Amino acid sequence: MINANTEILILSGSLLLVIILVAALFLLQAFDKNRKHVKNKLDEFQARFGDKAAQIAETKSIRLNQQQTGFGAKLSELLPNRDQLQIRLRRAGMAVDLARYALTCGGIAVGTLVFLLILKQGLLLAVFGAIILGFGLPHVFVGIKIGKRIKAFTSQFPEAIDLMVRGLKSGLPVNETIANVAKELPAPTGDEFQRITDAMRLGKTLETALWETSDRLDTPDFKFFVISLVVQKETGGNLGETLENLSTILRSRQAMKLKVKALSSEAKASAWIVGSLPFVMEGLILVLNNDYAMSLFKNPQGQIAAVAGLIWMGIGIAAMAKIVNFEV
């Protein structure tokens, strides 16, 4: 009788989880529709005014094309999506090649494997944990670096456009105004504009250098800037006035993002409190009454309830994150 009830609970829980996952997928897809629409529009402009495929083939990393030797180079050949990894490293502003990145991943994986084996956690768990931490921690670290760098670039970018507008009004050509931005502004904006200047000095056209930077940064603000320059070159007009209007729009977008962040701070705080409360309570119960709390992990029905609760909480947190994360 008990086994039959357990099987019914398992089947019911599985069916409920499937329904929840399907509903969550539809919900997340609905939230992503507006963001994908904006991205598709920008990609259409980029495909219209720049040969993106040719530029990507031309701007592959020189380090990837070089014949590297050593254990790190051999290990880097095992990494998936090497081109994308190299782009992520450049986007993060890290002067690290794939060989060093692969050695870092391998070192973390080996260290985790040895540590878990010393703790006698079992070979399967040790290997699984080594793979997750070995590839996950460097990926998360690079992602954090990318987020900070893009955030700093976005905050400095309107000032860079204003500096270009002042240069254009004083009679300087576009190339000189870009070089002035590289000299006047700090990293990361100054570094990116310096790369554009260096690319033009090596013989590349302004459009090619701008599209390369756009592919590397992958931010809507810089794509708006590139499209404005390319369209103005083809159609004519006052470039200084166009960039001045663009600077005003970008500052308005930043102000709107800050306003949205302030308005959604209460919801985010509530999500943190509600999401962390079950874990805090479980930790307190483990300290106060260990035998009672461990029944959640030892009992089959408790395990099912714990897994279902974690999945349900994960879906709820993801949905709340999408709700308060607006694309301005």
C-alpha atoms as a PDB file:
ATOM      1  CA  MET A   1       0.000   0.000   0.000  1.00  0.00           C
ATOM      2  CA  ILE A   2       2.818   2.335   0.903  1.00  0.00           C
ATOM      3  CA  ASN A   3       4.659   1.496  -2.325  1.00  0.00           C
ATOM      4  CA  ALA A   4       1.512   2.155  -4.352  1.00  0.00           C
ATOM      5  CA  ASN A   5       1.034   5.526  -2.690  1.00  0.00           C
ATOM      6  CA  THR A   6       4.683   6.370  -3.355  1.00  0.00           C
ATOM      7  CA  GLU A   7       4.327   5.509  -7.042  1.00  0.00           C
ATOM      8  CA  ILE A   8       1.187   7.655  -7.287  1.00  0.00           C
ATOM      9  CA  LEU A   9       3.007  10.549  -5.656  1.00  0.00           C
ATOM     10  CA  ILE A  10       5.943  10.155  -8.038  1.00  0.00           C
ATOM     11  CA  LEU A  11       3.684  10.079 -11.107  1.00  0.00           C
ATOM     12  CA  SER A  12       1.633  13.033  -9.888  1.00  0.00           C
ATOM     13  CA  GLY A  13       4.737  15.015  -9.062  1.00  0.00           C
ATOM     14  CA  SER A  14       6.294  14.249 -12.446  1.00  0.00           C
ATOM     15  CA  LEU A  15       3.122  15.309 -14.284  1.00  0.00           C
ATOM     16  CA  LEU A  16       2.913  18.482 -12.225  1.00  0.00           C
ATOM     17  CA  LEU A  17       6.551  19.324 -12.950  1.00  0.00           C
ATOM     18  CA  VAL A  18       6.024  18.820 -16.676  1.00  0.00           C
ATOM     19  CA  ILE A  19       3.032  21.175 -16.618  1.00  0.00           C
ATOM     20  CA  ILE A  20       5.013  23.748 -14.638  1.00  0.00           C
ATOM     21  CA  LEU A  21       7.985  23.563 -16.996  1.00  0.00           C
ATOM     22  CA  VAL A  22       5.783  23.981 -20.074  1.00  0.00           C
ATOM     23  CA  ALA A  23       4.018  26.969 -18.517  1.00  0.00           C
ATOM     24  CA  ALA A  24       7.367  28.488 -17.530  1.00  0.00           C
ATOM     25  CA  LEU A  25       8.713  28.096 -21.058  1.00  0.00           C
ATOM     26  CA  PHE A  26       5.710  29.921 -22.522  1.00  0.00           C
ATOM     27  CA  LEU A  27       6.057  32.645 -19.875  1.00  0.00           C
ATOM     28  CA  LEU A  28       9.771  33.180 -20.509  1.00  0.00           C
ATOM     29  CA  GLN A  29       9.202  33.172 -24.267  1.00  0.00           C
ATOM     30  CA  ALA A  30       6.594  35.896 -23.897  1.00  0.00           C
ATOM     31  CA  PHE A  31       8.976  38.049 -21.869  1.00  0.00           C
ATOM     32  CA  ASP A  32      11.794  37.576 -24.400  1.00  0.00           C
ATOM     33  CA  LYS A  33       9.674  38.563 -27.425  1.00  0.00           C
ATOM     34  CA  ASN A  34      10.274  42.306 -27.105  1.00  0.00           C
ATOM     35  CA  ARG A  35      14.009  41.899 -26.541  1.00  0.00           C
ATOM     36  CA  LYS A  36      14.382  39.573 -29.512  1.00  0.00           C
ATOM     37  CA  HIS A  37      12.400  42.021 -31.671  1.00  0.00           C
ATOM     38  CA  VAL A  38      14.846  44.846 -30.888  1.00  0.00           C
ATOM     39  CA  LYS A  39      17.845  42.589 -31.478  1.00  0.00           C
ATOM     40  CA  ASN A  40      16.449  41.382 -34.808  1.00  0.00           C
ATOM     41  CA  LYS A  41      15.912  44.962 -35.963  1.00  0.00           C
ATOM     42  CA  LEU A  42      19.502  45.844 -35.135  1.00  0.00           C
ATOM     43  CA  ASP A  43      20.761  42.747 -36.924  1.00  0.00           C
ATOM     44  CA  GLU A  44      18.720  43.709 -39.994  1.00  0.00           C
ATOM     45  CA  PHE A  45      20.329  47.148 -40.056  1.00  0.00           C
ATOM     46  CA  GLN A  46      23.744  45.594 -39.607  1.00  0.00           C
ATOM     47  CA  ALA A  47      23.150  43.104 -42.413  1.00  0.00           C
ATOM     48  CA  ARG A  48      21.964  45.948 -44.635  1.00  0.00           C
ATOM     49  CA  PHE A  49      24.794  48.397 -44.049  1.00  0.00           C
ATOM     50  CA  GLY A  50      27.655  46.005 -43.343  1.00  0.00           C
ATOM     51  CA  ASP A  51      28.741  42.661 -44.743  1.00  0.00           C
ATOM     52  CA  LYS A  52      28.623  40.880 -41.418  1.00  0.00           C
ATOM     53  CA  ALA A  53      29.617  37.440 -42.603  1.00  0.00           C
ATOM     54  CA  ALA A  54      32.696  38.737 -44.394  1.00  0.00           C
ATOM     55  CA  GLN A  55      33.665  40.845 -41.403  1.00  0.00           C
ATOM     56  CA  ILE A  56      33.388  37.952 -38.975  1.00  0.00           C
ATOM     57  CA  ALA A  57      35.542  35.794 -41.222  1.00  0.00           C
ATOM     58  CA  GLU A  58      38.052  38.620 -41.499  1.00  0.00           C
ATOM     59  CA  THR A  59      38.148  39.461 -37.798  1.00  0.00           C
ATOM     60  CA  LYS A  60      38.774  36.035 -36.348  1.00  0.00           C
ATOM     61  CA  SER A  61      41.332  36.118 -33.615  1.00  0.00           C
ATOM     62  CA  ILE A  62      44.943  36.088 -34.780  1.00  0.00           C
ATOM     63  CA  ARG A  63      45.870  33.918 -31.844  1.00  0.00           C
ATOM     64  CA  LEU A  64      43.487  31.212 -32.968  1.00  0.00           C
ATOM     65  CA  ASN A  65      45.164  31.138 -36.377  1.00  0.00           C
ATOM     66  CA  GLN A  66      48.636  30.929 -34.902  1.00  0.00           C
ATOM     67  CA  GLN A  67      50.231  27.539 -34.389  1.00  0.00           C
ATOM     68  CA  GLN A  68      50.498  27.268 -30.625  1.00  0.00           C
ATOM     69  CA  THR A  69      52.577  24.592 -28.997  1.00  0.00           C
ATOM     70  CA  GLY A  70      52.706  23.059 -25.559  1.00  0.00           C
ATOM     71  CA  PHE A  71      50.332  21.282 -23.245  1.00  0.00           C
ATOM     72  CA  GLY A  72      48.031  24.295 -22.966  1.00  0.00           C
ATOM     73  CA  ALA A  73      47.567  24.439 -26.729  1.00  0.00           C
ATOM     74  CA  LYS A  74      46.725  20.739 -26.867  1.00  0.00           C
ATOM     75  CA  LEU A  75      44.287  21.165 -24.003  1.00  0.00           C
ATOM     76  CA  SER A  76      42.646  24.200 -25.646  1.00  0.00           C
ATOM     77  CA  GLU A  77      41.764  22.055 -28.676  1.00  0.00           C
ATOM     78  CA  LEU A  78      39.331  20.157 -26.441  1.00  0.00           C
ATOM     79  CA  LEU A  79      37.370  23.309 -25.609  1.00  0.00           C
ATOM     80  CA  PRO A  80      33.997  23.657 -27.369  1.00  0.00           C
ATOM     81  CA  ASN A  81      33.167  26.796 -29.380  1.00  0.00           C
ATOM     82  CA  ARG A  82      36.725  28.118 -29.369  1.00  0.00           C
ATOM     83  CA  ASP A  83      35.823  31.140 -31.499  1.00  0.00           C
ATOM     84  CA  GLN A  84      33.067  32.163 -29.104  1.00  0.00           C
ATOM     85  CA  LEU A  85      35.370  31.691 -26.113  1.00  0.00           C
ATOM     86  CA  GLN A  86      37.961  33.941 -27.707  1.00  0.00           C
ATOM     87  CA  ILE A  87      35.300  36.578 -28.392  1.00  0.00           C
ATOM     88  CA  ARG A  88      34.147  36.393 -24.761  1.00  0.00           C
ATOM     89  CA  LEU A  89      37.703  36.862 -23.512  1.00  0.00           C
ATOM     90  CA  ARG A  90      38.195  39.888 -25.754  1.00  0.00           C
ATOM     91  CA  ARG A  91      34.817  41.282 -24.720  1.00  0.00           C
ATOM     92  CA  ALA A  92      35.868  40.974 -21.092  1.00  0.00           C
ATOM     93  CA  GLY A  93      39.078  42.894 -21.836  1.00  0.00           C
ATOM     94  CA  MET A  94      41.260  40.018 -20.682  1.00  0.00           C
ATOM     95  CA  ALA A  95      44.662  39.526 -22.317  1.00  0.00           C
ATOM     96  CA  VAL A  96      44.346  35.741 -22.017  1.00  0.00           C
ATOM     97  CA  ASP A  97      44.678  33.277 -24.854  1.00  0.00           C
ATOM     98  CA  LEU A  98      42.832  29.976 -25.110  1.00  0.00           C
ATOM     99  CA  ALA A  99      45.860  27.987 -23.931  1.00  0.00           C
ATOM    100  CA  ARG A 100      45.980  29.806 -20.575  1.00  0.00           C
ATOM    101  CA  TYR A 101      42.206  29.634 -20.270  1.00  0.00           C
ATOM    102  CA  ALA A 102      42.301  25.849 -20.859  1.00  0.00           C
ATOM    103  CA  LEU A 103      45.108  25.444 -18.308  1.00  0.00           C
ATOM    104  CA  THR A 104      43.073  27.398 -15.765  1.00  0.00           C
ATOM    105  CA  CYS A 105      40.022  25.197 -16.359  1.00  0.00           C
ATOM    106  CA  GLY A 106      42.149  22.057 -16.095  1.00  0.00           C
ATOM    107  CA  GLY A 107      43.834  23.240 -12.898  1.00  0.00           C
ATOM    108  CA  ILE A 108      40.503  24.006 -11.209  1.00  0.00           C
ATOM    109  CA  ALA A 109      39.094  20.650 -12.334  1.00  0.00           C
ATOM    110  CA  VAL A 110      42.089  18.677 -11.032  1.00  0.00           C
ATOM    111  CA  GLY A 111      42.112  20.582  -7.751  1.00  0.00           C
ATOM    112  CA  THR A 112      38.400  19.967  -7.234  1.00  0.00           C
ATOM    113  CA  LEU A 113      38.783  16.272  -8.084  1.00  0.00           C
ATOM    114  CA  VAL A 114      41.626  15.798  -5.582  1.00  0.00           C
ATOM    115  CA  PHE A 115      39.789  17.753  -2.882  1.00  0.00           C
ATOM    116  CA  LEU A 116      36.593  15.731  -3.226  1.00  0.00           C
ATOM    117  CA  LEU A 117      38.511  12.435  -3.271  1.00  0.00           C
ATOM    118  CA  ILE A 118      40.299  13.446  -0.075  1.00  0.00           C
ATOM    119  CA  LEU A 119      36.905  14.076   1.499  1.00  0.00           C
ATOM    120  CA  LYS A 120      35.878  10.551   0.341  1.00  0.00           C
ATOM    121  CA  GLN A 121      32.860  11.767  -1.610  1.00  0.00           C
ATOM    122  CA  GLY A 122      33.025   9.001  -4.204  1.00  0.00           C
ATOM    123  CA  LEU A 123      34.611   8.893  -7.636  1.00  0.00           C
ATOM    124  CA  LEU A 124      31.432   9.690  -9.605  1.00  0.00           C
ATOM    125  CA  LEU A 125      30.583  12.726  -7.494  1.00  0.00           C
ATOM    126  CA  ALA A 126      34.200  13.897  -7.581  1.00  0.00           C
ATOM    127  CA  VAL A 127      34.388  13.683 -11.376  1.00  0.00           C
ATOM    128  CA  PHE A 128      31.010  15.374 -11.777  1.00  0.00           C
ATOM    129  CA  GLY A 129      31.975  18.195  -9.397  1.00  0.00           C
ATOM    130  CA  ALA A 130      35.361  18.628 -11.102  1.00  0.00           C
ATOM    131  CA  ILE A 131      33.742  18.998 -14.516  1.00  0.00           C
ATOM    132  CA  ILE A 132      31.154  21.500 -13.260  1.00  0.00           C
ATOM    133  CA  LEU A 133      33.623  23.655 -11.328  1.00  0.00           C
ATOM    134  CA  GLY A 134      36.430  23.308 -13.864  1.00  0.00           C
ATOM    135  CA  PHE A 135      34.334  24.680 -16.730  1.00  0.00           C
ATOM    136  CA  GLY A 136      31.714  26.585 -14.750  1.00  0.00           C
ATOM    137  CA  LEU A 137      33.842  28.839 -12.535  1.00  0.00           C
ATOM    138  CA  PRO A 138      35.989  30.339 -15.353  1.00  0.00           C
ATOM    139  CA  HIS A 139      32.867  30.803 -17.496  1.00  0.00           C
ATOM    140  CA  VAL A 140      31.057  32.602 -14.655  1.00  0.00           C
ATOM    141  CA  PHE A 141      34.133  34.721 -13.897  1.00  0.00           C
ATOM    142  CA  VAL A 142      34.468  35.810 -17.529  1.00  0.00           C
ATOM    143  CA  GLY A 143      30.731  36.540 -17.633  1.00  0.00           C
ATOM    144  CA  ILE A 144      31.016  38.785 -14.569  1.00  0.00           C
ATOM    145  CA  LYS A 145      33.963  40.610 -16.130  1.00  0.00           C
ATOM    146  CA  ILE A 146      31.976  41.100 -19.342  1.00  0.00           C
ATOM    147  CA  GLY A 147      28.983  42.468 -17.445  1.00  0.00           C
ATOM    148  CA  LYS A 148      31.094  44.975 -15.488  1.00  0.00           C
ATOM    149  CA  ARG A 149      32.996  46.097 -18.568  1.00  0.00           C
ATOM    150  CA  ILE A 150      29.869  46.531 -20.707  1.00  0.00           C
ATOM    151  CA  LYS A 151      28.189  48.431 -17.885  1.00  0.00           C
ATOM    152  CA  ALA A 152      31.164  50.793 -17.584  1.00  0.00           C
ATOM    153  CA  PHE A 153      31.292  51.253 -21.366  1.00  0.00           C
ATOM    154  CA  THR A 154      27.574  52.023 -21.545  1.00  0.00           C
ATOM    155  CA  SER A 155      27.851  54.659 -18.824  1.00  0.00           C
ATOM    156  CA  GLN A 156      30.835  56.340 -20.531  1.00  0.00           C
ATOM    157  CA  PHE A 157      29.562  56.105 -24.090  1.00  0.00           C
ATOM    158  CA  PRO A 158      27.321  59.239 -24.130  1.00  0.00           C
ATOM    159  CA  GLU A 159      30.309  61.274 -22.949  1.00  0.00           C
ATOM    160  CA  ALA A 160      32.356  59.819 -25.825  1.00  0.00           C
ATOM    161  CA  ILE A 161      29.671  60.872 -28.305  1.00  0.00           C
ATOM    162  CA  ASP A 162      29.578  64.375 -26.807  1.00  0.00           C
ATOM    163  CA  LEU A 163      33.341  64.602 -27.236  1.00  0.00           C
ATOM    164  CA  MET A 164      32.984  63.569 -30.876  1.00  0.00           C
ATOM    165  CA  VAL A 165      30.240  66.171 -31.407  1.00  0.00           C
ATOM    166  CA  ARG A 166      32.473  68.953 -30.059  1.00  0.00           C
ATOM    167  CA  GLY A 167      35.277  67.806 -32.347  1.00  0.00           C
ATOM    168  CA  LEU A 168      33.017  67.699 -35.394  1.00  0.00           C
ATOM    169  CA  LYS A 169      31.658  71.185 -34.669  1.00  0.00           C
ATOM    170  CA  SER A 170      35.219  72.491 -34.467  1.00  0.00           C
ATOM    171  CA  GLY A 171      35.948  71.127 -37.958  1.00  0.00           C
ATOM    172  CA  LEU A 172      37.805  67.883 -37.190  1.00  0.00           C
ATOM    173  CA  PRO A 173      37.173  64.789 -39.349  1.00  0.00           C
ATOM    174  CA  VAL A 174      35.539  61.696 -37.868  1.00  0.00           C
ATOM    175  CA  ASN A 175      38.825  59.782 -37.666  1.00  0.00           C
ATOM    176  CA  GLU A 176      40.413  62.507 -35.551  1.00  0.00           C
ATOM    177  CA  THR A 177      37.436  62.739 -33.203  1.00  0.00           C
ATOM    178  CA  ILE A 178      37.601  58.972 -32.618  1.00  0.00           C
ATOM    179  CA  ALA A 179      41.328  59.286 -31.869  1.00  0.00           C
ATOM    180  CA  ASN A 180      40.570  62.117 -29.394  1.00  0.00           C
ATOM    181  CA  VAL A 181      38.036  59.918 -27.593  1.00  0.00           C
ATOM    182  CA  ALA A 182      40.686  57.191 -27.295  1.00  0.00           C
ATOM    183  CA  LYS A 183      43.082  59.692 -25.696  1.00  0.00           C
ATOM    184  CA  GLU A 184      40.663  61.512 -23.403  1.00  0.00           C
ATOM    185  CA  LEU A 185      38.453  58.783 -21.955  1.00  0.00           C
ATOM    186  CA  PRO A 186      39.566  55.994 -19.604  1.00  0.00           C
ATOM    187  CA  ALA A 187      39.076  52.270 -20.100  1.00  0.00           C
ATOM    188  CA  PRO A 188      37.041  50.528 -21.362  1.00  0.00           C
ATOM    189  CA  THR A 189      35.699  53.209 -23.737  1.00  0.00           C
ATOM    190  CA  GLY A 190      39.118  54.628 -24.457  1.00  0.00           C
ATOM    191  CA  ASP A 191      40.525  51.171 -25.147  1.00  0.00           C
ATOM    192  CA  GLU A 192      37.763  50.304 -27.609  1.00  0.00           C
ATOM    193  CA  PHE A 193      38.126  53.560 -29.518  1.00  0.00           C
ATOM    194  CA  GLN A 194      41.886  53.062 -29.538  1.00  0.00           C
ATOM    195  CA  ARG A 195      41.353  49.688 -31.191  1.00  0.00           C
ATOM    196  CA  ILE A 196      39.240  51.407 -33.842  1.00  0.00           C
ATOM    197  CA  THR A 197      42.008  53.952 -34.423  1.00  0.00           C
ATOM    198  CA  ASP A 198      44.662  51.239 -34.646  1.00  0.00           C
ATOM    199  CA  ALA A 199      42.550  49.266 -37.114  1.00  0.00           C
ATOM    200  CA  MET A 200      42.206  52.307 -39.384  1.00  0.00           C
ATOM    201  CA  ARG A 201      45.956  52.930 -39.203  1.00  0.00           C
ATOM    202  CA  LEU A 202      46.504  49.364 -40.378  1.00  0.00           C
ATOM    203  CA  GLY A 203      44.467  50.068 -43.514  1.00  0.00           C
ATOM    204  CA  LYS A 204      40.935  49.095 -42.573  1.00  0.00           C
ATOM    205  CA  THR A 205      38.039  51.351 -43.402  1.00  0.00           C
ATOM    206  CA  LEU A 206      36.099  53.150 -40.703  1.00  0.00           C
ATOM    207  CA  GLU A 207      32.986  51.049 -41.325  1.00  0.00           C
ATOM    208  CA  THR A 208      34.909  47.774 -41.032  1.00  0.00           C
ATOM    209  CA  ALA A 209      36.580  48.856 -37.795  1.00  0.00           C
ATOM    210  CA  LEU A 210      33.260  49.980 -36.337  1.00  0.00           C
ATOM    211  CA  TRP A 211      31.467  46.748 -37.253  1.00  0.00           C
ATOM    212  CA  GLU A 212      34.312  44.728 -35.717  1.00  0.00           C
ATOM    213  CA  THR A 213      33.927  46.631 -32.456  1.00  0.00           C
ATOM    214  CA  SER A 214      30.155  46.237 -32.660  1.00  0.00           C
ATOM    215  CA  ASP A 215      30.495  42.464 -33.003  1.00  0.00           C
ATOM    216  CA  ARG A 216      32.906  42.368 -30.086  1.00  0.00           C
ATOM    217  CA  LEU A 217      30.880  44.550 -27.705  1.00  0.00           C
ATOM    218  CA  ASP A 218      27.418  43.422 -28.844  1.00  0.00           C
ATOM    219  CA  THR A 219      25.597  46.315 -27.170  1.00  0.00           C
ATOM    220  CA  PRO A 220      22.562  48.135 -28.640  1.00  0.00           C
ATOM    221  CA  ASP A 221      24.028  51.562 -27.817  1.00  0.00           C
ATOM    222  CA  PHE A 222      27.136  51.065 -29.921  1.00  0.00           C
ATOM    223  CA  LYS A 223      25.117  49.504 -32.755  1.00  0.00           C
ATOM    224  CA  PHE A 224      22.937  52.626 -32.814  1.00  0.00           C
ATOM    225  CA  PHE A 225      26.135  54.676 -33.063  1.00  0.00           C
ATOM    226  CA  VAL A 226      27.560  52.610 -35.932  1.00  0.00           C
ATOM    227  CA  ILE A 227      24.291  52.634 -37.848  1.00  0.00           C
ATOM    228  CA  SER A 228      24.060  56.424 -37.450  1.00  0.00           C
ATOM    229  CA  LEU A 229      27.544  56.905 -38.888  1.00  0.00           C
ATOM    230  CA  VAL A 230      27.004  54.507 -41.797  1.00  0.00           C
ATOM    231  CA  VAL A 231      23.584  55.902 -42.709  1.00  0.00           C
ATOM    232  CA  GLN A 232      24.874  59.483 -42.533  1.00  0.00           C
ATOM    233  CA  LYS A 233      27.769  58.606 -44.816  1.00  0.00           C
ATOM    234  CA  GLU A 234      25.421  57.138 -47.425  1.00  0.00           C
ATOM    235  CA  THR A 235      22.628  59.707 -47.223  1.00  0.00           C
ATOM    236  CA  GLY A 236      24.495  62.830 -46.092  1.00  0.00           C
ATOM    237  CA  GLY A 237      23.410  65.345 -43.495  1.00  0.00           C
ATOM    238  CA  ASN A 238      24.752  66.968 -40.357  1.00  0.00           C
ATOM    239  CA  LEU A 239      26.662  64.245 -38.497  1.00  0.00           C
ATOM    240  CA  GLY A 240      27.238  66.422 -35.444  1.00  0.00           C
ATOM    241  CA  GLU A 241      23.514  67.011 -35.000  1.00  0.00           C
ATOM    242  CA  THR A 242      22.767  63.312 -35.540  1.00  0.00           C
ATOM    243  CA  LEU A 243      25.273  62.240 -32.882  1.00  0.00           C
ATOM    244  CA  GLU A 244      24.023  64.932 -30.509  1.00  0.00           C
ATOM    245  CA  ASN A 245      20.477  63.565 -30.796  1.00  0.00           C
ATOM    246  CA  LEU A 246      21.826  60.051 -30.301  1.00  0.00           C
ATOM    247  CA  SER A 247      23.638  61.133 -27.137  1.00  0.00           C
ATOM    248  CA  THR A 248      20.398  62.590 -25.784  1.00  0.00           C
ATOM    249  CA  ILE A 249      18.542  59.361 -26.551  1.00  0.00           C
ATOM    250  CA  LEU A 250      21.212  57.220 -24.874  1.00  0.00           C
ATOM    251  CA  ARG A 251      21.181  59.382 -21.756  1.00  0.00           C
ATOM    252  CA  SER A 252      17.395  59.117 -21.645  1.00  0.00           C
ATOM    253  CA  ARG A 253      17.656  55.332 -21.902  1.00  0.00           C
ATOM    254  CA  GLN A 254      20.140  55.255 -19.031  1.00  0.00           C
ATOM    255  CA  ALA A 255      17.876  57.457 -16.920  1.00  0.00           C
ATOM    256  CA  MET A 256      14.929  55.183 -17.684  1.00  0.00           C
ATOM    257  CA  LYS A 257      16.976  52.110 -16.730  1.00  0.00           C
ATOM    258  CA  LEU A 258      17.873  53.686 -13.394  1.00  0.00           C
ATOM    259  CA  LYS A 259      14.228  54.553 -12.796  1.00  0.00           C
ATOM    260  CA  VAL A 260      13.155  50.995 -13.602  1.00  0.00           C
ATOM    261  CA  LYS A 261      15.872  49.668 -11.299  1.00  0.00           C
ATOM    262  CA  ALA A 262      14.632  51.864  -8.465  1.00  0.00           C
ATOM    263  CA  LEU A 263      10.998  50.864  -8.995  1.00  0.00           C
ATOM    264  CA  SER A 264      11.857  47.148  -9.165  1.00  0.00           C
ATOM    265  CA  SER A 265      14.174  47.152  -6.145  1.00  0.00           C
ATOM    266  CA  GLU A 266      11.327  46.253  -3.786  1.00  0.00           C
ATOM    267  CA  ALA A 267      10.355  43.252  -5.902  1.00  0.00           C
ATOM    268  CA  LYS A 268      13.973  42.126  -6.073  1.00  0.00           C
ATOM    269  CA  ALA A 269      14.374  42.414  -2.313  1.00  0.00           C
ATOM    270  CA  SER A 270      11.176  40.414  -1.812  1.00  0.00           C
ATOM    271  CA  ALA A 271      12.465  37.754  -4.202  1.00  0.00           C
ATOM    272  CA  TRP A 272      15.729  37.480  -2.271  1.00  0.00           C
ATOM    273  CA  ILE A 273      13.924  37.199   1.064  1.00  0.00           C
ATOM    274  CA  VAL A 274      11.331  34.693  -0.136  1.00  0.00           C
ATOM    275  CA  GLY A 275      13.939  32.662  -2.028  1.00  0.00           C
ATOM    276  CA  SER A 276      16.417  32.456   0.850  1.00  0.00           C
ATOM    277  CA  LEU A 277      13.895  31.898   3.658  1.00  0.00           C
ATOM    278  CA  PRO A 278      13.383  28.115   3.082  1.00  0.00           C
ATOM    279  CA  PHE A 279      17.143  27.500   3.092  1.00  0.00           C
ATOM    280  CA  VAL A 280      17.629  29.598   6.225  1.00  0.00           C
ATOM    281  CA  MET A 281      14.857  27.752   8.019  1.00  0.00           C
ATOM    282  CA  GLU A 282      16.221  24.374   6.933  1.00  0.00           C
ATOM    283  CA  GLY A 283      19.645  25.377   8.245  1.00  0.00           C
ATOM    284  CA  LEU A 284      18.170  26.431  11.602  1.00  0.00           C
ATOM    285  CA  ILE A 285      16.217  23.186  11.888  1.00  0.00           C
ATOM    286  CA  LEU A 286      19.386  21.210  11.077  1.00  0.00           C
ATOM    287  CA  VAL A 287      21.145  22.943  13.958  1.00  0.00           C
ATOM    288  CA  LEU A 288      18.273  22.687  16.453  1.00  0.00           C
ATOM    289  CA  ASN A 289      16.889  19.237  15.564  1.00  0.00           C
ATOM    290  CA  ASN A 290      19.149  17.385  13.175  1.00  0.00           C
ATOM    291  CA  ASP A 291      17.248  14.089  13.156  1.00  0.00           C
ATOM    292  CA  TYR A 292      13.965  15.782  12.308  1.00  0.00           C
ATOM    293  CA  ALA A 293      15.509  17.846   9.495  1.00  0.00           C
ATOM    294  CA  MET A 294      17.358  14.884   7.957  1.00  0.00           C
ATOM    295  CA  SER A 295      14.070  13.070   7.428  1.00  0.00           C
ATOM    296  CA  LEU A 296      13.508  15.427   4.483  1.00  0.00           C
ATOM    297  CA  PHE A 297      16.535  13.901   2.763  1.00  0.00           C
ATOM    298  CA  LYS A 298      16.218  10.279   3.921  1.00  0.00           C
ATOM    299  CA  ASN A 299      12.493   9.774   3.299  1.00  0.00           C
ATOM    300  CA  PRO A 300      11.545   9.124  -0.381  1.00  0.00           C
ATOM    301  CA  GLN A 301       8.470  11.328  -0.137  1.00  0.00           C
ATOM    302  CA  GLY A 302      10.582  14.060   1.460  1.00  0.00           C
ATOM    303  CA  GLN A 303      13.103  13.828  -1.370  1.00  0.00           C
ATOM    304  CA  ILE A 304      10.337  14.208  -3.947  1.00  0.00           C
ATOM    305  CA  ALA A 305       8.942  17.208  -2.073  1.00  0.00           C
ATOM    306  CA  ALA A 306      12.408  18.774  -1.799  1.00  0.00           C
ATOM    307  CA  VAL A 307      13.145  18.368  -5.526  1.00  0.00           C
ATOM    308  CA  ALA A 308       9.699  19.665  -6.491  1.00  0.00           C
ATOM    309  CA  GLY A 309      10.124  22.624  -4.147  1.00  0.00           C
ATOM    310  CA  LEU A 310      13.538  23.505  -5.592  1.00  0.00           C
ATOM    311  CA  ILE A 311      12.249  23.328  -9.164  1.00  0.00           C
ATOM    312  CA  TRP A 312       9.185  25.377  -8.284  1.00  0.00           C
ATOM    313  CA  MET A 313      11.317  28.003  -6.516  1.00  0.00           C
ATOM    314  CA  GLY A 314      13.732  28.123  -9.451  1.00  0.00           C
ATOM    315  CA  ILE A 315      10.902  28.732 -11.901  1.00  0.00           C
ATOM    316  CA  GLY A 316       9.418  31.409  -9.646  1.00  0.00           C
ATOM    317  CA  ILE A 317      12.739  33.218  -9.236  1.00  0.00           C
ATOM    318  CA  ALA A 318      13.398  33.060 -12.993  1.00  0.00           C
ATOM    319  CA  ALA A 319       9.929  34.433 -13.729  1.00  0.00           C
ATOM    320  CA  MET A 320      10.350  37.283 -11.228  1.00  0.00           C
ATOM    321  CA  ALA A 321      13.771  38.089 -12.685  1.00  0.00           C
ATOM    322  CA  LYS A 322      12.256  38.326 -16.164  1.00  0.00           C
ATOM    323  CA  ILE A 323       9.380  40.477 -14.926  1.00  0.00           C
ATOM    324  CA  VAL A 324      11.656  43.100 -13.310  1.00  0.00           C
ATOM    325  CA  ASN A 325      14.270  42.988 -16.094  1.00  0.00           C
ATOM    326  CA  PHE A 326      12.946  45.415 -18.689  1.00  0.00           C
ATOM    327  CA  GLU A 327      14.621  46.139 -22.017  1.00  0.00           C
ATOM    328  CA  VAL A 328      14.674  49.929 -22.389  1.00  0.00           C
END
